[in-house]
C-alpha atoms as a PDB file:
ATOM      1  CA  MET A   1      48.521 -80.037 109.271  1.00  0.00           C
ATOM      2  CA  ARG A   2      50.327 -79.739 105.621  1.00  0.00           C
ATOM      3  CA  HIS A   3      53.027 -77.510 107.024  1.00  0.00           C
ATOM      4  CA  ALA A   4      54.150 -80.293 109.759  1.00  0.00           C
ATOM      5  CA  ILE A   5      53.994 -82.683 106.636  1.00  0.00           C
ATOM      6  CA  GLN A   6      56.232 -80.659 104.814  1.00  0.00           C
ATOM      7  CA  ARG A   7      58.520 -80.137 107.740  1.00  0.00           C
ATOM      8  CA  TRP A   8      58.434 -83.747 108.450  1.00  0.00           C
ATOM      9  CA  ALA A   9      59.423 -84.667 104.652  1.00  0.00           C
ATOM     10  CA  ARG A  10      62.270 -81.908 104.638  1.00  0.00           C
ATOM     11  CA  ALA A  11      63.592 -83.180 107.975  1.00  0.00           C
ATOM     12  CA  ILE A  12      63.881 -86.845 106.480  1.00  0.00           C
ATOM     13  CA  LYS A  13      65.377 -85.362 103.090  1.00  0.00           C
ATOM     14  CA  ARG A  14      68.029 -83.828 105.126  1.00  0.00           C
ATOM     15  CA  ASP A  15      68.614 -86.792 107.383  1.00  0.00           C
ATOM     16  CA  VAL A  16      69.387 -89.143 104.839  1.00  0.00           C
ATOM     17  CA  VAL A  17      72.041 -86.561 103.695  1.00  0.00           C
ATOM     18  CA  ALA A  18      73.050 -86.496 107.014  1.00  0.00           C
ATOM     19  CA  VAL A  19      73.244 -90.494 107.176  1.00  0.00           C
ATOM     20  CA  TRP A  20      75.424 -90.593 104.003  1.00  0.00           C
ATOM     21  CA  LEU A  21      77.598 -88.183 105.521  1.00  0.00           C
ATOM     22  CA  ALA A  22      77.775 -89.910 108.645  1.00  0.00           C
ATOM     23  CA  ALA A  23      78.418 -93.002 106.613  1.00  0.00           C
ATOM     24  CA  ARG A  24      81.717 -91.546 105.500  1.00  0.00           C
ATOM     25  CA  ASP A  25      83.071 -90.129 108.119  1.00  0.00           C
ATOM     26  CA  PRO A  26      86.012 -91.943 110.250  1.00  0.00           C
ATOM     27  CA  ARG A  27      84.832 -90.953 113.600  1.00  0.00           C
ATOM     28  CA  VAL A  28      81.580 -92.900 113.454  1.00  0.00           C
ATOM     29  CA  PRO A  29      82.001 -96.395 114.700  1.00  0.00           C
ATOM     30  CA  TRP A  30      81.806 -99.369 111.989  1.00  0.00           C
ATOM     31  CA  TYR A  31      78.806-100.835 112.862  1.00  0.00           C
ATOM     32  CA  ALA A  32      76.910 -97.341 112.588  1.00  0.00           C
ATOM     33  CA  LYS A  33      78.934 -96.707 109.516  1.00  0.00           C
ATOM     34  CA  ALA A  34      77.496-100.060 107.973  1.00  0.00           C
ATOM     35  CA  VAL A  35      73.588 -99.499 108.853  1.00  0.00           C
ATOM     36  CA  ALA A  36      74.189 -95.985 107.539  1.00  0.00           C
ATOM     37  CA  LEU A  37      75.677 -97.029 104.499  1.00  0.00           C
ATOM     38  CA  ALA A  38      72.482 -99.297 103.879  1.00  0.00           C
ATOM     39  CA  VAL A  39      70.056 -96.690 105.006  1.00  0.00           C
ATOM     40  CA  ALA A  40      71.636 -93.924 102.489  1.00  0.00           C
ATOM     41  CA  ALA A  41      72.310 -96.206  99.564  1.00  0.00           C
ATOM     42  CA  TYR A  42      68.658 -97.343  99.765  1.00  0.00           C
ATOM     43  CA  ALA A  43      67.430 -93.796 100.585  1.00  0.00           C
ATOM     44  CA  LEU A  44      69.352 -92.426  97.688  1.00  0.00           C
ATOM     45  CA  SER A  45      68.710 -94.832  95.374  1.00  0.00           C
ATOM     46  CA  PRO A  46      66.769 -93.833  92.177  1.00  0.00           C
ATOM     47  CA  ILE A  47      64.753 -96.993  91.854  1.00  0.00           C
ATOM     48  CA  ASP A  48      63.063 -98.592  94.666  1.00  0.00           C
ATOM     49  CA  LEU A  49      63.311-101.966  95.808  1.00  0.00           C
ATOM     50  CA  ILE A  50      59.166-101.568  95.943  1.00  0.00           C
ATOM     51  CA  PRO A  51      57.999 -99.532  92.931  1.00  0.00           C
ATOM     52  CA  ASP A  52      55.903 -96.670  93.762  1.00  0.00           C
ATOM     53  CA  PHE A  53      52.916 -97.946  91.148  1.00  0.00           C
ATOM     54  CA  ILE A  54      52.281-101.282  93.353  1.00  0.00           C
ATOM     55  CA  PRO A  55      49.459-100.155  95.722  1.00  0.00           C
ATOM     56  CA  VAL A  56      49.989 -99.698  99.231  1.00  0.00           C
ATOM     57  CA  LEU A  57      53.017-101.229  99.253  1.00  0.00           C
ATOM     58  CA  GLY A  58      55.039 -99.032  96.893  1.00  0.00           C
ATOM     59  CA  TYR A  59      54.970 -95.977  99.110  1.00  0.00           C
ATOM     60  CA  LEU A  60      55.498 -98.447 102.533  1.00  0.00           C
ATOM     61  CA  ASP A  61      59.472 -98.040 101.941  1.00  0.00           C
ATOM     62  CA  ASP A  62      59.212 -94.219 101.507  1.00  0.00           C
ATOM     63  CA  LEU A  63      56.809 -93.711 104.749  1.00  0.00           C
ATOM     64  CA  ILE A  64      58.018 -96.313 106.939  1.00  0.00           C
ATOM     65  CA  ILE A  65      61.472 -98.199 106.202  1.00  0.00           C
ATOM     66  CA  VAL A  66      63.519 -95.378 105.212  1.00  0.00           C
ATOM     67  CA  PRO A  67      62.185 -93.099 108.832  1.00  0.00           C
ATOM     68  CA  LEU A  68      63.124 -96.025 110.833  1.00  0.00           C
ATOM     69  CA  GLY A  69      66.517 -96.681 109.271  1.00  0.00           C
ATOM     70  CA  ILE A  70      67.164 -93.142 109.736  1.00  0.00           C
ATOM     71  CA  LEU A  71      66.092 -93.434 113.356  1.00  0.00           C
ATOM     72  CA  LEU A  72      68.258 -96.422 113.807  1.00  0.00           C
ATOM     73  CA  VAL A  73      71.489 -94.924 112.396  1.00  0.00           C
ATOM     74  CA  ILE A  74      70.557 -91.837 114.965  1.00  0.00           C
ATOM     75  CA  LYS A  75      70.398 -94.082 117.576  1.00  0.00           C
ATOM     76  CA  LEU A  76      73.908 -95.553 116.862  1.00  0.00           C
ATOM     77  CA  ILE A  77      75.486 -92.206 116.100  1.00  0.00           C
ATOM     78  CA  PRO A  78      76.533 -89.805 119.137  1.00  0.00           C
ATOM     79  CA  ALA A  79      74.256 -86.797 119.223  1.00  0.00           C
ATOM     80  CA  GLU A  80      77.290 -84.183 118.689  1.00  0.00           C
ATOM     81  CA  LEU A  81      78.121 -85.834 115.588  1.00  0.00           C
ATOM     82  CA  MET A  82      74.478 -86.336 114.247  1.00  0.00           C
ATOM     83  CA  ALA A  83      74.051 -82.258 114.881  1.00  0.00           C
ATOM     84  CA  GLU A  84      77.258 -81.553 112.832  1.00  0.00           C
ATOM     85  CA  PHE A  85      76.336 -83.965 110.087  1.00  0.00           C
ATOM     86  CA  ARG A  86      72.668 -82.313 109.956  1.00  0.00           C
ATOM     87  CA  ALA A  87      74.225 -78.926 109.835  1.00  0.00           C
ATOM     88  CA  GLU A  88      76.350 -80.157 106.727  1.00  0.00           C
ATOM     89  CA  ALA A  89      73.354 -81.757 105.169  1.00  0.00           C
ATOM     90  CA  ALA A  90      71.266 -78.510 105.327  1.00  0.00           C
ATOM     91  CA  ARG A  91      74.278 -76.385 103.746  1.00  0.00           C
ATOM     92  CA  ARG A  92      74.308 -78.719 100.641  1.00  0.00           C
ATOM     93  CA  GLU A  93      72.122 -77.971  98.134  1.00  0.00           C
ATOM     94  CA  ARG A  94      71.386 -81.240  96.482  1.00  0.00           C
ATOM     95  CA  ALA A  95      71.266 -84.880  97.739  1.00  0.00           C
ATOM     96  CA  PRO A  96      73.806 -87.330  96.484  1.00  0.00           C
ATOM     97  CA  SER A  97      72.792 -90.361  94.386  1.00  0.00           C
ATOM     98  CA  SER A  98      73.658 -93.901  94.796  1.00  0.00           C
ATOM     99  CA  MET A  99      73.788 -95.767  91.470  1.00  0.00           C
ATOM    100  CA  ILE A 100      75.625 -99.018  93.308  1.00  0.00           C
ATOM    101  CA  ALA A 101      72.288 -99.456  95.458  1.00  0.00           C
ATOM    102  CA  ALA A 102      70.512 -98.610  91.952  1.00  0.00           C
ATOM    103  CA  VAL A 103      72.330-101.704  90.593  1.00  0.00           C
ATOM    104  CA  VAL A 104      71.947-103.983  93.390  1.00  0.00           C
ATOM    105  CA  ILE A 105      68.325-103.465  93.281  1.00  0.00           C
ATOM    106  CA  VAL A 106      67.688-104.113  89.936  1.00  0.00           C
ATOM    107  CA  THR A 107      70.078-107.264  90.377  1.00  0.00           C
ATOM    108  CA  ILE A 108      67.673-108.152  92.952  1.00  0.00           C
ATOM    109  CA  TRP A 109      64.570-107.591  90.653  1.00  0.00           C
ATOM    110  CA  ILE A 110      66.301-109.532  87.717  1.00  0.00           C
ATOM    111  CA  SER A 111      67.031-112.415  90.258  1.00  0.00           C
ATOM    112  CA  ALA A 112      63.863-112.816  91.774  1.00  0.00           C
ATOM    113  CA  ALA A 113      62.320-112.758  87.748  1.00  0.00           C
ATOM    114  CA  ALA A 114      64.863-115.563  86.785  1.00  0.00           C
ATOM    115  CA  LEU A 115      64.021-117.471  90.105  1.00  0.00           C
ATOM    116  CA  LEU A 116      60.360-117.417  89.639  1.00  0.00           C
ATOM    117  CA  LEU A 117      60.570-118.215  86.014  1.00  0.00           C
ATOM    118  CA  TRP A 118      62.721-121.435  86.904  1.00  0.00           C
ATOM    119  CA  TRP A 119      59.895-122.311  89.456  1.00  0.00           C
ATOM    120  CA  LEU A 120      56.878-121.795  87.359  1.00  0.00           C
ATOM    121  CA  TRP A 121      58.631-123.275  83.872  1.00  0.00           C
ATOM    122  CA  PRO A 122      56.648-126.796  83.311  1.00  0.00           C
ATOM    123  CA  ALA A 123      59.086-129.843  83.990  1.00  0.00           C
ATOM    124  CA  PRO A 124      60.004-132.119  81.093  1.00  0.00           C
ATOM    125  CA  ALA A 125      57.501-134.802  80.715  1.00  0.00           C
ATOM    126  CA  GLY A 126      59.352-138.022  80.838  1.00  0.00           C
END
């Protein structure tokens, strides 16, 4: 079972890179590119939307959201193109990273914190 999990994890890692390649390829339809770009940016971001230290929810994105996003992209891209992207991803040694996605996620967290402070701040008496 351990080997099956390791194979699955390697396949997910390869598919994230394949999805990133698909998002940049002109042969991919625009709607598939849009979804692929969002999935790849989120998966390759060095910062998670839900930090891993939050019990249960922290690993939810890694175990459910990213694989479901990859499955959706795979459904939107023609099989022969996806096979080509997977082969190219397997040849690459390291995965790219998405600093833009990291900035977006940090912006979301800062905005959420500011909104929470605004909501919790006591109104002036009067």
